[in-house]
Amino acid sequence: MANMNIKKGDTVMIITGEEAGKKGKVLKVLPEENRIVVEGRNKVTKHQKPRNQKDTGGIVEREAAINASNVMVVCPKCGKPVRTGIKLVDTKDKKVRICKKCGAEIKTADETK
């Protein structure tokens, strides 16, 4: 299992591949596979069978997982894709993620509520 610096709710920028340079919000993190799902990015078509008589089958578009090494977290302060670090605060018992470029604290959407 890989140690990932990307959390659900982060804004990330894709740095390689067909979608390079595009930003999106992380919907799902799969640490066992070292992959993430980004909202609106890496769309694939899936042929879906109807599960019961009421359902309609068909071709459905959905987001596929991307390797975590192909994305970088976007800093909320400087707005650039950055590497993240960990800083100990509050008498060295709480860890927070920080931007390596500007030193700003990186919070996810879950932490800001």
Protein backbone atom coordinates (compact mmCIF):
# COMPACT_ATOMS: atom_id res chain seq x y z
CA MET A 1 0.00 0.00 0.00
CA ALA A 2 1.40 3.36 -1.07
CA ASN A 3 1.57 6.45 1.12
CA MET A 4 -0.40 9.06 -0.82
CA ASN A 5 -0.25 12.83 -0.40
CA ILE A 6 -3.58 13.30 -2.21
CA LYS A 7 -6.87 13.34 -0.31
CA LYS A 8 -10.52 13.25 -1.34
CA GLY A 9 -11.72 16.79 -2.06
CA ASP A 10 -8.32 18.14 -3.18
CA THR A 11 -8.02 20.15 -6.38
CA VAL A 12 -5.40 18.53 -8.59
CA MET A 13 -3.79 19.21 -11.96
CA ILE A 14 -3.07 16.38 -14.37
CA ILE A 15 0.57 16.64 -15.48
CA THR A 16 0.85 13.88 -18.10
CA GLY A 17 -1.21 12.18 -20.75
CA GLU A 18 -4.15 13.25 -22.86
CA GLU A 19 -5.66 15.48 -20.13
CA ALA A 20 -2.39 17.22 -19.22
CA GLY A 21 -2.80 20.74 -17.84
CA LYS A 22 -6.42 20.29 -16.77
CA LYS A 23 -7.66 20.68 -13.20
CA GLY A 24 -10.33 18.80 -11.30
CA LYS A 25 -11.57 17.76 -7.87
CA VAL A 26 -10.65 14.35 -6.44
CA LEU A 27 -13.78 12.19 -6.04
CA LYS A 28 -12.20 8.94 -4.86
CA VAL A 29 -8.80 7.80 -3.63
CA LEU A 30 -7.70 4.18 -4.12
CA PRO A 31 -4.47 3.87 -2.07
CA GLU A 32 -4.15 0.08 -2.56
CA GLU A 33 -3.87 0.63 -6.33
CA ASN A 34 -2.12 4.06 -6.09
CA ARG A 35 -4.89 5.57 -8.23
CA ILE A 36 -7.42 8.41 -7.94
CA VAL A 37 -10.66 9.41 -9.69
CA VAL A 38 -10.88 13.07 -10.79
CA GLU A 39 -14.20 14.81 -11.45
CA GLY A 40 -14.86 15.32 -15.18
CA ARG A 41 -11.48 13.93 -16.28
CA ASN A 42 -10.39 10.66 -17.97
CA LYS A 43 -13.91 9.86 -19.19
CA VAL A 44 -14.56 6.35 -20.51
CA THR A 45 -17.66 4.75 -22.01
CA LYS A 46 -19.17 1.74 -20.31
CA HIS A 47 -21.75 -0.56 -21.79
CA GLN A 48 -24.24 -1.06 -18.98
CA LYS A 49 -26.83 -3.81 -18.85
CA PRO A 50 -30.21 -3.06 -17.26
CA ARG A 51 -30.32 -4.46 -13.70
CA ASN A 52 -34.12 -4.87 -13.67
CA GLN A 53 -37.14 -4.22 -15.93
CA LYS A 54 -37.41 -0.56 -14.91
CA ASP A 55 -33.77 0.23 -15.72
CA THR A 56 -32.67 1.13 -19.18
CA GLY A 57 -29.31 -0.16 -20.36
CA GLY A 58 -27.03 1.67 -22.71
CA ILE A 59 -23.69 3.35 -23.08
CA VAL A 60 -22.75 5.36 -20.00
CA GLU A 61 -19.87 7.82 -19.65
CA ARG A 62 -18.00 7.88 -16.35
CA GLU A 63 -14.65 8.88 -14.87
CA ALA A 64 -11.92 6.25 -14.79
CA ALA A 65 -9.05 6.08 -12.27
CA ILE A 66 -5.73 7.84 -12.98
CA ASN A 67 -2.38 6.88 -11.51
CA ALA A 68 -1.60 9.18 -8.58
CA SER A 69 1.88 9.90 -9.95
CA ASN A 70 0.27 11.63 -12.95
CA VAL A 71 -1.32 14.41 -10.88
CA MET A 72 -0.13 17.18 -8.54
CA VAL A 73 -2.03 18.98 -5.79
CA VAL A 74 -2.90 22.61 -6.62
CA CYS A 75 -2.00 25.07 -3.83
CA PRO A 76 -4.98 27.22 -2.80
CA LYS A 77 -2.72 30.24 -2.15
CA CYS A 78 -0.38 30.33 -5.15
CA GLY A 79 -2.69 28.40 -7.53
CA LYS A 80 0.12 26.29 -8.96
CA PRO A 81 0.66 22.51 -8.98
CA VAL A 82 3.03 21.81 -6.09
CA ARG A 83 4.70 19.11 -4.09
CA THR A 84 3.40 18.78 -0.56
CA GLY A 85 5.17 18.44 2.74
CA ILE A 86 4.09 17.72 6.30
CA LYS A 87 4.50 20.15 9.18
CA LEU A 88 3.91 19.40 12.85
CA VAL A 89 1.83 22.03 14.70
CA ASP A 90 0.20 22.46 18.12
CA THR A 91 3.01 21.15 20.31
CA LYS A 92 4.11 18.59 17.71
CA ASP A 93 1.01 16.34 17.88
CA LYS A 94 -0.98 17.44 14.80
CA LYS A 95 0.24 17.03 11.20
CA VAL A 96 -0.82 19.41 8.41
CA ARG A 97 0.04 19.38 4.72
CA ILE A 98 1.91 22.40 3.40
CA CYS A 99 2.86 23.77 -0.02
CA LYS A 100 6.58 23.33 -0.74
CA LYS A 101 6.67 26.57 -2.82
CA CYS A 102 4.93 29.12 -0.60
CA GLY A 103 4.55 27.29 2.73
CA ALA A 104 0.75 27.70 2.84
CA GLU A 105 -1.36 25.09 4.61
CA ILE A 106 -3.30 22.83 2.23
CA LYS A 107 -6.77 21.92 3.49
CA THR A 108 -9.29 19.69 1.75
CA ALA A 109 -12.96 20.56 1.35
CA ASP A 110 -13.73 18.20 4.28
CA GLU A 111 -11.32 20.05 6.63
CA THR A 112 -12.64 23.53 5.86
CA LYS A 113 -16.20 22.71 7.02
